[in-house]
N, C-alpha and C. Protein backbone atom coordinates (compact mmCIF):
# COMPACT_ATOMS: atom_id res chain seq x y z
N MET A 1 104.58 73.45 113.72
CA MET A 1 105.31 74.29 114.90
C MET A 1 104.98 73.95 116.29
N PRO A 2 105.87 74.04 116.83
CA PRO A 2 106.00 73.61 118.50
C PRO A 2 105.22 74.78 119.27
N THR A 3 105.46 76.25 119.10
CA THR A 3 104.87 77.08 120.01
C THR A 3 103.66 77.90 119.66
N ILE A 4 103.90 78.07 118.07
CA ILE A 4 102.69 78.98 117.56
C ILE A 4 102.61 78.45 116.12
N ASP A 5 100.87 78.29 115.55
CA ASP A 5 100.82 78.11 114.42
C ASP A 5 101.20 78.82 113.19
N GLY A 6 101.41 78.38 112.35
CA GLY A 6 101.63 79.03 111.24
C GLY A 6 100.96 80.12 110.59
N MET A 7 99.46 80.21 110.62
CA MET A 7 98.88 81.07 110.09
C MET A 7 98.70 82.43 111.39
N GLU A 8 99.10 82.13 112.58
CA GLU A 8 99.19 83.11 113.45
C GLU A 8 100.80 83.95 113.42
N LEU A 9 101.93 83.31 113.21
CA LEU A 9 103.08 83.61 112.66
C LEU A 9 102.88 84.43 111.31
N CYS A 10 101.95 84.01 110.70
CA CYS A 10 101.64 84.65 109.19
C CYS A 10 101.36 86.23 109.44
N ARG A 11 100.43 86.14 110.16
CA ARG A 11 99.39 87.12 110.75
C ARG A 11 100.22 87.86 111.70
N ARG A 12 101.35 87.83 112.00
CA ARG A 12 101.62 88.90 112.88
C ARG A 12 103.25 88.98 112.29
N VAL A 13 103.61 88.59 111.10
CA VAL A 13 104.78 88.90 110.21
C VAL A 13 104.12 90.31 109.64
N ARG A 14 102.78 89.95 109.06
CA ARG A 14 101.81 91.07 108.00
C ARG A 14 101.59 92.05 109.26
N ALA A 15 101.38 91.85 110.24
CA ALA A 15 100.89 92.83 110.87
C ALA A 15 101.91 93.98 111.54
N SER A 16 103.40 93.48 111.19
CA SER A 16 104.42 94.40 111.94
C SER A 16 105.16 94.30 110.74
N GLY A 17 104.26 94.62 109.42
CA GLY A 17 104.80 95.10 108.20
C GLY A 17 105.81 94.22 107.40
N GLY A 18 106.05 93.26 107.57
CA GLY A 18 106.51 92.34 106.91
C GLY A 18 106.28 91.91 105.55
N ARG A 19 107.26 92.30 104.47
CA ARG A 19 106.72 92.40 103.08
C ARG A 19 107.31 90.73 102.48
N ALA A 20 108.32 90.21 103.19
CA ALA A 20 108.84 89.15 102.47
C ALA A 20 107.94 88.14 101.85
N PRO A 21 108.09 87.38 100.83
CA PRO A 21 107.24 86.86 100.43
C PRO A 21 106.92 85.08 101.28
N ILE A 22 105.79 84.73 101.44
CA ILE A 22 105.66 83.85 102.27
C ILE A 22 104.82 82.62 101.69
N LEU A 23 105.58 81.27 101.84
CA LEU A 23 104.73 80.09 101.02
C LEU A 23 104.49 79.24 102.29
N MET A 24 103.29 79.08 102.60
CA MET A 24 102.81 78.00 103.55
C MET A 24 103.24 76.74 102.98
N LEU A 25 103.87 75.69 103.79
CA LEU A 25 103.69 74.51 103.12
C LEU A 25 103.04 73.41 104.42
N THR A 26 101.71 73.10 103.98
CA THR A 26 100.91 72.43 105.34
C THR A 26 100.58 71.10 105.17
N ALA A 27 100.24 70.05 105.80
CA ALA A 27 99.38 69.51 105.46
C ALA A 27 97.93 69.33 105.72
N ARG A 28 97.50 70.63 105.86
CA ARG A 28 95.95 71.14 105.96
C ARG A 28 95.55 71.30 104.81
N ALA A 29 95.09 69.74 103.84
CA ALA A 29 93.91 70.19 102.86
C ALA A 29 93.24 70.62 102.42
N GLU A 30 92.40 71.16 103.39
CA GLU A 30 90.76 71.37 103.28
C GLU A 30 91.02 73.20 102.55
N GLU A 31 90.05 72.99 101.82
CA GLU A 31 89.45 74.44 101.20
C GLU A 31 89.66 75.24 102.14
N ARG A 32 88.85 75.61 103.40
CA ARG A 32 88.94 76.79 104.48
C ARG A 32 90.53 76.71 104.75
N ASP A 33 91.26 75.62 104.99
CA ASP A 33 92.29 76.04 105.49
C ASP A 33 93.42 77.37 104.36
N CYS A 34 93.11 76.48 103.16
CA CYS A 34 94.13 77.17 102.13
C CYS A 34 93.47 78.28 102.23
N VAL A 35 92.18 78.66 102.19
CA VAL A 35 91.71 80.35 102.10
C VAL A 35 92.20 81.28 103.23
N LEU A 36 92.02 80.42 104.80
CA LEU A 36 92.14 81.08 105.76
C LEU A 36 93.66 81.11 105.79
N GLY A 37 94.53 80.37 105.12
CA GLY A 37 96.29 80.87 105.42
C GLY A 37 96.73 81.92 104.44
N LEU A 38 95.57 82.33 103.15
CA LEU A 38 96.03 83.13 102.12
C LEU A 38 95.67 84.33 103.01
N GLU A 39 94.24 84.46 103.37
CA GLU A 39 93.66 85.87 103.78
C GLU A 39 94.85 86.08 105.19
N SER A 40 95.16 85.00 105.69
CA SER A 40 96.15 85.68 106.65
C SER A 40 97.54 86.45 106.44
N GLY A 41 97.75 86.29 105.05
CA GLY A 41 98.95 86.76 104.53
C GLY A 41 99.81 86.08 103.78
N ALA A 42 99.40 84.81 103.45
CA ALA A 42 100.47 84.37 102.79
C ALA A 42 100.39 84.38 101.62
N ASP A 43 101.29 84.34 100.63
CA ASP A 43 101.17 84.77 99.29
C ASP A 43 100.96 83.11 98.40
N ASP A 44 101.19 82.02 98.84
CA ASP A 44 100.80 80.58 98.11
C ASP A 44 100.63 79.49 99.49
N TYR A 45 100.50 78.87 98.87
CA TYR A 45 99.82 77.83 99.95
C TYR A 45 99.86 76.11 99.20
N VAL A 46 100.74 75.51 99.75
CA VAL A 46 101.19 74.03 99.10
C VAL A 46 100.91 73.30 100.07
N VAL A 47 100.01 72.28 99.62
CA VAL A 47 99.80 70.91 100.48
C VAL A 47 100.69 69.77 100.57
N LYS A 48 100.83 68.89 101.62
CA LYS A 48 101.65 67.86 101.59
C LYS A 48 100.88 66.79 100.96
N PRO A 49 101.45 65.78 100.50
CA PRO A 49 102.61 65.66 99.62
C PRO A 49 102.58 66.54 97.85
N PHE A 50 104.18 66.99 98.23
CA PHE A 50 103.63 67.79 97.04
C PHE A 50 105.18 67.30 96.27
N SER A 51 105.10 67.97 94.89
CA SER A 51 106.20 67.97 93.22
C SER A 51 107.20 68.92 94.20
N VAL A 52 108.32 68.57 94.09
CA VAL A 52 109.44 69.15 94.26
C VAL A 52 109.67 70.38 93.02
N VAL A 53 109.28 69.87 92.12
CA VAL A 53 109.20 70.55 90.63
C VAL A 53 108.14 71.92 90.85
N GLU A 54 106.98 71.52 91.63
CA GLU A 54 106.14 72.35 91.56
C GLU A 54 106.03 73.21 92.41
N PHE A 55 106.89 73.03 93.66
CA PHE A 55 107.50 73.71 94.99
C PHE A 55 108.33 74.54 94.22
N ALA A 56 109.34 74.41 93.39
CA ALA A 56 110.14 75.20 93.12
C ALA A 56 110.03 76.29 92.19
N ALA A 57 108.69 75.78 91.55
CA ALA A 57 108.41 76.54 90.25
C ALA A 57 107.39 77.51 91.19
N ARG A 58 106.43 77.13 92.31
CA ARG A 58 105.84 78.42 92.81
C ARG A 58 106.89 79.38 93.67
N ALA A 59 107.63 78.71 94.38
CA ALA A 59 108.93 79.63 94.77
C ALA A 59 109.36 80.90 93.75
N LYS A 60 109.48 80.18 92.58
CA LYS A 60 110.33 81.15 91.40
C LYS A 60 109.57 82.11 91.45
N ALA A 61 108.00 81.84 91.20
CA ALA A 61 106.84 82.78 90.40
C ALA A 61 107.13 83.98 92.08
N MET A 62 107.01 83.02 92.72
CA MET A 62 106.73 83.90 93.98
C MET A 62 107.82 85.38 94.09
N MET A 63 108.98 84.75 94.02
CA MET A 63 110.27 85.67 93.66
C MET A 63 110.02 86.73 93.01
N ARG A 64 109.60 86.17 91.61
CA ARG A 64 109.56 87.37 90.37
C ARG A 64 108.53 88.52 90.76
N ARG A 65 107.12 87.86 91.51
CA ARG A 65 106.10 88.75 91.79
C ARG A 65 106.69 89.66 92.89
N ALA A 66 107.65 89.40 93.81
CA ALA A 66 107.98 90.36 94.73
C ALA A 66 108.51 91.29 94.16
N GLU A 67 109.70 90.67 92.91
CA GLU A 67 110.96 91.96 92.10
C GLU A 67 109.83 92.56 91.36
N ARG A 68 108.95 92.33 90.86
CA ARG A 68 107.56 93.05 90.05
C ARG A 68 107.27 94.38 90.69
N LEU A 69 106.66 93.58 92.03
CA LEU A 69 105.73 94.95 93.09
C LEU A 69 107.03 95.91 93.66
N SER A 70 108.22 95.38 93.70
CA SER A 70 109.14 96.54 93.98
C SER A 70 109.30 97.32 92.90
N GLY A 71 108.85 97.01 91.61
CA GLY A 71 109.33 98.09 90.88
C GLY A 71 111.17 98.15 90.25
N PRO A 72 111.14 98.56 89.10
CA PRO A 72 112.18 98.44 88.50
C PRO A 72 113.22 99.30 89.33
N PRO A 73 114.46 99.05 89.30
CA PRO A 73 115.75 99.88 89.96
C PRO A 73 116.35 100.98 89.05
N GLY A 74 116.51 102.01 90.19
CA GLY A 74 116.60 103.04 89.49
C GLY A 74 115.77 103.96 89.47
N ILE A 75 114.53 103.73 89.01
CA ILE A 75 113.17 104.62 88.66
C ILE A 75 112.24 104.41 90.12
N ARG A 76 112.27 105.91 90.28
CA ARG A 76 111.32 105.94 91.68
C ARG A 76 109.90 105.85 91.40
N SER A 77 109.11 104.70 91.38
CA SER A 77 107.55 104.58 91.64
C SER A 77 107.03 103.81 92.74
N ASP A 78 107.10 104.93 93.57
CA ASP A 78 106.93 104.64 95.18
C ASP A 78 105.69 105.09 95.52
N VAL A 79 105.13 105.83 94.59
CA VAL A 79 103.52 106.44 94.94
C VAL A 79 103.23 106.38 93.66
N LEU A 80 102.12 105.95 93.84
CA LEU A 80 100.43 105.73 92.58
C LEU A 80 99.44 106.34 93.63
N CYS A 81 99.19 107.42 91.84
CA CYS A 81 97.38 108.34 92.80
C CYS A 81 96.59 108.06 91.62
N SER A 82 95.30 107.91 92.19
CA SER A 82 94.21 108.26 91.27
C SER A 82 92.84 108.95 91.73
N GLY A 83 92.71 109.85 91.29
CA GLY A 83 92.04 111.21 91.76
C GLY A 83 92.19 111.13 93.62
N ASP A 84 91.49 110.67 94.13
CA ASP A 84 91.95 110.92 95.79
C ASP A 84 92.21 110.06 96.68
N LEU A 85 92.82 108.94 95.63
CA LEU A 85 93.12 108.01 96.26
C LEU A 85 95.02 107.77 95.83
N LEU A 86 95.54 107.61 97.28
CA LEU A 86 97.06 107.87 97.42
C LEU A 86 97.54 106.36 97.60
N LEU A 87 98.39 105.58 96.83
CA LEU A 87 99.42 104.44 97.71
C LEU A 87 101.00 104.57 97.45
N ASP A 88 101.39 104.88 98.79
CA ASP A 88 102.37 104.61 99.09
C ASP A 88 103.44 103.57 99.08
N LEU A 89 103.90 102.90 97.92
CA LEU A 89 104.48 101.64 97.89
C LEU A 89 105.47 101.32 98.68
N GLU A 90 106.37 102.26 99.36
CA GLU A 90 107.60 102.23 100.19
C GLU A 90 107.04 101.80 101.56
N ARG A 91 106.11 102.98 101.89
CA ARG A 91 105.36 102.44 103.16
C ARG A 91 104.36 101.97 103.47
N ARG A 92 104.18 101.27 102.57
CA ARG A 92 102.84 100.16 102.29
C ARG A 92 101.62 101.07 102.90
N ALA A 93 101.16 102.15 102.83
CA ALA A 93 100.13 102.86 103.23
C ALA A 93 99.32 103.59 102.44
N ALA A 94 97.92 103.25 102.22
CA ALA A 94 97.01 104.02 101.47
C ALA A 94 96.44 105.15 102.07
N LEU A 95 96.01 106.08 101.19
CA LEU A 95 94.89 107.05 101.75
C LEU A 95 93.86 107.55 100.61
N ARG A 96 92.61 107.80 101.20
CA ARG A 96 91.65 108.10 100.36
C ARG A 96 91.20 109.64 100.90
N ALA A 97 90.94 110.51 100.08
CA ALA A 97 90.34 111.74 100.67
C ALA A 97 91.50 112.30 101.89
N GLY A 98 92.57 111.92 101.84
CA GLY A 98 93.33 112.68 102.74
C GLY A 98 93.44 112.05 104.23
N LEU A 99 92.73 110.58 104.27
CA LEU A 99 92.59 109.90 105.52
C LEU A 99 92.86 108.49 105.46
N SER A 100 94.01 107.86 106.40
CA SER A 100 94.14 106.86 106.21
C SER A 100 93.49 105.69 105.79
N VAL A 101 93.57 104.52 105.09
CA VAL A 101 93.04 103.60 104.73
C VAL A 101 93.90 102.53 105.33
N ASP A 102 93.43 101.33 106.11
CA ASP A 102 93.55 100.08 106.92
C ASP A 102 93.49 99.25 105.85
N LEU A 103 94.43 98.63 105.28
CA LEU A 103 94.77 97.33 104.33
C LEU A 103 95.44 96.44 104.73
N THR A 104 95.15 95.13 104.20
CA THR A 104 95.74 94.12 104.64
C THR A 104 96.79 93.98 104.03
N ALA A 105 98.26 93.26 103.59
CA ALA A 105 98.96 92.94 103.00
C ALA A 105 98.51 92.55 102.02
N LYS A 106 97.57 91.55 101.61
CA LYS A 106 96.72 91.47 99.97
C LYS A 106 96.23 92.08 99.46
N GLU A 107 95.37 92.81 100.34
CA GLU A 107 94.32 94.34 99.71
C GLU A 107 94.82 94.84 99.21
N PHE A 108 96.32 95.59 99.71
CA PHE A 108 97.27 96.36 99.55
C PHE A 108 97.74 96.07 98.00
N ASP A 109 98.39 94.42 98.15
CA ASP A 109 99.19 94.11 96.99
C ASP A 109 98.05 94.02 95.70
N LEU A 110 96.83 93.87 95.80
CA LEU A 110 95.72 93.78 95.29
C LEU A 110 95.54 94.95 94.42
N LEU A 111 95.56 96.14 95.19
CA LEU A 111 95.07 97.49 94.80
C LEU A 111 96.08 97.83 94.05
N ALA A 112 97.51 97.54 94.66
CA ALA A 112 99.18 97.95 93.70
C ALA A 112 99.06 97.35 92.36
N HIS A 113 98.42 96.19 92.49
CA HIS A 113 98.47 95.28 91.06
C HIS A 113 97.25 96.08 90.15
N PHE A 114 96.31 96.86 90.78
CA PHE A 114 95.37 97.21 89.38
C PHE A 114 95.86 98.33 89.47
N MET A 115 96.06 99.19 90.43
CA MET A 115 96.89 100.90 90.07
C MET A 115 98.14 100.76 89.26
N ARG A 116 98.74 99.66 89.13
CA ARG A 116 100.27 99.91 87.77
C ARG A 116 99.64 99.64 86.73
N ASN A 117 98.21 99.32 86.56
CA ASN A 117 97.76 98.29 85.60
C ASN A 117 96.39 98.86 85.10
N PRO A 118 95.79 100.52 85.23
CA PRO A 118 95.19 100.67 84.82
C PRO A 118 93.98 100.33 84.23
N ALA A 119 92.76 100.51 83.85
CA ALA A 119 92.12 100.25 82.79
C ALA A 119 91.92 98.21 82.09
N ARG A 120 93.01 97.97 82.51
CA ARG A 120 93.12 96.63 82.02
C ARG A 120 92.05 95.86 83.03
N VAL A 121 91.35 94.75 81.96
CA VAL A 121 90.78 93.97 82.62
C VAL A 121 91.32 92.48 83.27
N TYR A 122 91.00 92.29 84.62
CA TYR A 122 91.44 91.07 84.76
C TYR A 122 90.89 90.40 85.21
N SER A 123 90.94 88.95 84.76
CA SER A 123 89.71 87.41 85.15
C SER A 123 90.41 87.10 86.58
N ARG A 124 89.33 86.46 87.17
CA ARG A 124 89.42 85.95 88.82
C ARG A 124 91.00 85.12 88.88
N ALA A 125 90.68 84.54 87.64
CA ALA A 125 92.09 83.47 87.50
C ALA A 125 93.36 84.26 87.20
N GLN A 126 93.55 85.43 86.58
CA GLN A 126 94.29 85.91 86.16
C GLN A 126 95.02 86.73 87.61
N LEU A 127 93.83 87.31 88.18
CA LEU A 127 94.23 88.13 89.51
C LEU A 127 95.23 87.06 90.57
N LEU A 128 94.58 85.71 90.54
CA LEU A 128 94.73 84.88 91.74
C LEU A 128 96.48 84.32 91.37
N GLU A 129 96.86 84.50 89.97
CA GLU A 129 97.78 83.86 89.47
C GLU A 129 99.00 85.56 89.76
N ASP A 130 98.51 86.36 89.20
CA ASP A 130 99.54 87.75 89.38
C ASP A 130 99.71 88.37 90.88
N VAL A 131 98.36 87.94 91.91
CA VAL A 131 98.61 88.87 92.97
C VAL A 131 99.13 87.90 94.00
N TRP A 132 98.45 86.30 93.88
CA TRP A 132 98.24 85.18 95.01
C TRP A 132 99.46 84.42 94.39
N GLY A 133 100.02 84.22 93.14
CA GLY A 133 101.05 83.71 92.73
C GLY A 133 100.40 81.86 92.79
N ALA A 134 98.88 81.53 92.63
CA ALA A 134 98.00 80.65 92.66
C ALA A 134 97.39 80.23 91.40
N ARG A 135 97.14 78.80 91.10
CA ARG A 135 96.61 78.44 89.86
C ARG A 135 95.32 77.58 90.13
N ASP A 136 95.18 77.60 91.55
CA ASP A 136 93.96 76.71 91.78
C ASP A 136 92.85 77.44 92.06
N ASN A 137 91.69 76.69 91.84
CA ASN A 137 90.32 77.62 91.70
C ASN A 137 89.79 78.18 92.93
N TYR A 138 90.32 78.81 93.44
CA TYR A 138 90.12 79.45 94.80
C TYR A 138 89.50 81.13 94.18
N GLU A 139 88.53 80.95 93.56
CA GLU A 139 88.38 82.33 93.01
C GLU A 139 87.52 83.25 93.66
N HIS A 140 86.62 82.37 94.57
CA HIS A 140 86.04 83.29 95.48
C HIS A 140 87.11 83.94 96.50
N THR A 141 88.10 83.36 96.58
CA THR A 141 89.07 84.43 97.31
C THR A 141 88.85 85.72 96.99
N VAL A 142 88.96 85.58 95.44
CA VAL A 142 89.75 87.11 94.82
C VAL A 142 88.38 88.37 94.94
N ASN A 143 86.97 87.52 94.95
CA ASN A 143 85.90 88.25 95.26
C ASN A 143 85.62 88.38 96.54
N SER A 144 86.29 87.62 97.27
CA SER A 144 86.19 88.37 99.03
C SER A 144 87.53 89.56 99.30
N HIS A 145 88.26 89.34 98.74
CA HIS A 145 89.53 90.54 98.90
C HIS A 145 88.48 91.73 98.08
N ILE A 146 88.28 92.06 96.74
CA ILE A 146 87.49 92.79 96.57
C ILE A 146 86.26 93.70 96.77
N ASN A 147 85.93 92.96 97.50
CA ASN A 147 84.54 93.09 98.36
C ASN A 147 85.08 93.82 99.50
N ARG A 148 86.28 93.53 100.30
CA ARG A 148 86.88 94.08 101.40
C ARG A 148 87.96 95.27 101.23
N LEU A 149 87.98 95.35 100.00
CA LEU A 149 88.76 96.27 99.49
C LEU A 149 87.94 97.75 99.27
N ARG A 150 86.62 97.34 98.22
CA ARG A 150 85.61 97.95 98.20
C ARG A 150 85.38 98.93 99.39
N ALA A 151 85.03 97.96 100.11
CA ALA A 151 84.19 98.78 101.38
C ALA A 151 85.37 100.05 101.84
N LYS A 152 86.70 99.50 101.99
CA LYS A 152 87.44 100.57 102.82
C LYS A 152 88.02 101.47 101.66
N ILE A 153 87.87 101.38 100.28
CA ILE A 153 88.23 102.68 99.55
C ILE A 153 87.39 103.33 98.73
N GLU A 154 86.05 102.79 98.46
CA GLU A 154 85.18 103.66 97.41
C GLU A 154 84.11 104.50 98.48
N PRO A 155 83.76 105.39 97.69
CA PRO A 155 83.07 106.02 98.53
C PRO A 155 81.68 105.80 98.64
N ASP A 156 81.10 104.85 97.13
CA ASP A 156 79.89 104.10 97.89
C ASP A 156 80.19 102.71 97.13
N PRO A 157 80.50 101.71 98.35
CA PRO A 157 81.07 100.51 97.91
C PRO A 157 79.74 99.63 96.88
N ALA A 158 78.43 100.21 97.16
CA ALA A 158 77.68 99.54 96.54
C ALA A 158 77.41 99.85 95.23
N ASN A 159 78.20 100.82 94.68
CA ASN A 159 78.12 101.69 93.44
C ASN A 159 79.62 102.31 93.16
N PRO A 160 80.47 100.99 92.83
CA PRO A 160 82.15 100.84 93.03
C PRO A 160 82.52 101.82 92.28
N SER A 161 83.51 103.18 92.24
CA SER A 161 84.15 103.68 90.73
C SER A 161 85.35 103.40 90.52
N PHE A 162 86.12 103.02 91.80
CA PHE A 162 87.48 102.32 91.63
C PHE A 162 87.55 101.05 91.44
N VAL A 163 87.45 100.37 91.64
CA VAL A 163 87.60 98.72 91.15
C VAL A 163 86.16 98.26 90.72
N VAL A 164 86.16 97.99 89.29
CA VAL A 164 84.66 98.03 88.48
C VAL A 164 84.50 96.48 88.29
N THR A 165 83.12 96.17 88.30
CA THR A 165 83.28 94.43 87.45
C THR A 165 83.09 94.77 86.43
N VAL A 166 83.36 94.27 85.53
CA VAL A 166 83.17 93.92 84.24
C VAL A 166 82.75 92.46 84.22
N TRP A 167 81.15 92.62 83.90
CA TRP A 167 80.67 91.29 83.95
C TRP A 167 81.17 90.17 82.84
N GLY A 168 81.14 89.21 83.21
CA GLY A 168 81.44 87.86 82.76
C GLY A 168 82.69 87.96 82.36
N VAL A 169 83.79 88.49 83.03
CA VAL A 169 84.98 88.86 82.77
C VAL A 169 85.50 88.37 83.81
N GLY A 170 85.43 90.06 84.71
CA GLY A 170 86.43 89.80 86.36
C GLY A 170 86.36 91.72 86.87
N TYR A 171 87.65 91.74 86.64
CA TYR A 171 87.71 93.51 87.22
C TYR A 171 88.52 94.02 86.77
N ARG A 172 88.60 95.35 86.72
CA ARG A 172 89.38 96.39 86.12
C ARG A 172 89.33 97.79 87.14
N PHE A 173 90.80 98.62 87.00
CA PHE A 173 90.62 99.71 87.80
C PHE A 173 90.45 101.08 86.99
N ASN A 174 89.62 101.73 87.65
CA ASN A 174 89.34 102.80 86.74
C ASN A 174 89.62 104.03 87.39
N ALA A 175 91.13 104.63 86.74
CA ALA A 175 91.77 105.37 87.08
C ALA A 175 91.44 106.66 87.66
N ARG A 176 90.26 106.84 87.06
CA ARG A 176 89.49 108.35 87.31
C ARG A 176 88.69 108.04 88.57
N GLY A 177 88.28 106.98 88.99
CA GLY A 177 87.34 107.03 90.09
C GLY A 177 86.45 107.46 89.88
N ASP A 178 86.00 107.56 88.43
CA ASP A 178 84.75 108.36 88.48
C ASP A 178 83.67 107.09 87.72
N PRO A 179 82.54 106.93 88.54
CA PRO A 179 81.38 106.22 88.17
C PRO A 179 81.28 106.48 86.21
N ALA A 180 80.90 107.89 86.27
CA ALA A 180 80.55 108.06 84.73
C ALA A 180 81.66 107.20 83.55
N PHE A 181 82.96 106.67 84.10
CA PHE A 181 83.95 106.42 83.08
C PHE A 181 83.60 104.53 83.07
N SER A 182 83.11 104.61 84.20
CA SER A 182 82.93 102.76 84.48
C SER A 182 82.32 102.05 83.59
């Protein structure tokens, strides 16, 4: 891109509240570039050269996820609540104990996915597919986002009560936010 790099553009779109799905198509094939692209707010990352069939499948999957995250038409399900944690899907705002929580686009999408499916256990690979639309082996991306999300929403991030680890499997959302139910 002539005047601005794609990652910076992606950051600006997300910072301005843009929620449109973003698929990065790039020649940068290094793992760190992919991670940076996804963490800047992209929903998927495809490296050139690419298969047109795979590209189309990834675009369709991204659109399906965007539709799923917007919820079924006609049913108002724009606010999710669990204990003192509130997620306003329409405004893409999070509150914990009445205070605003500043979440990145991916952290918000990850938390929304968990809150829509409380108590369900997700592997890192499932979260990559469901939230990022990726099937690659960047599972540490999930770990990084979970750690940052916990730092922002957990009363005690060292002993999480909302997003809990299921050892050997992955993560689940504890709807009560009570460590006794972890």
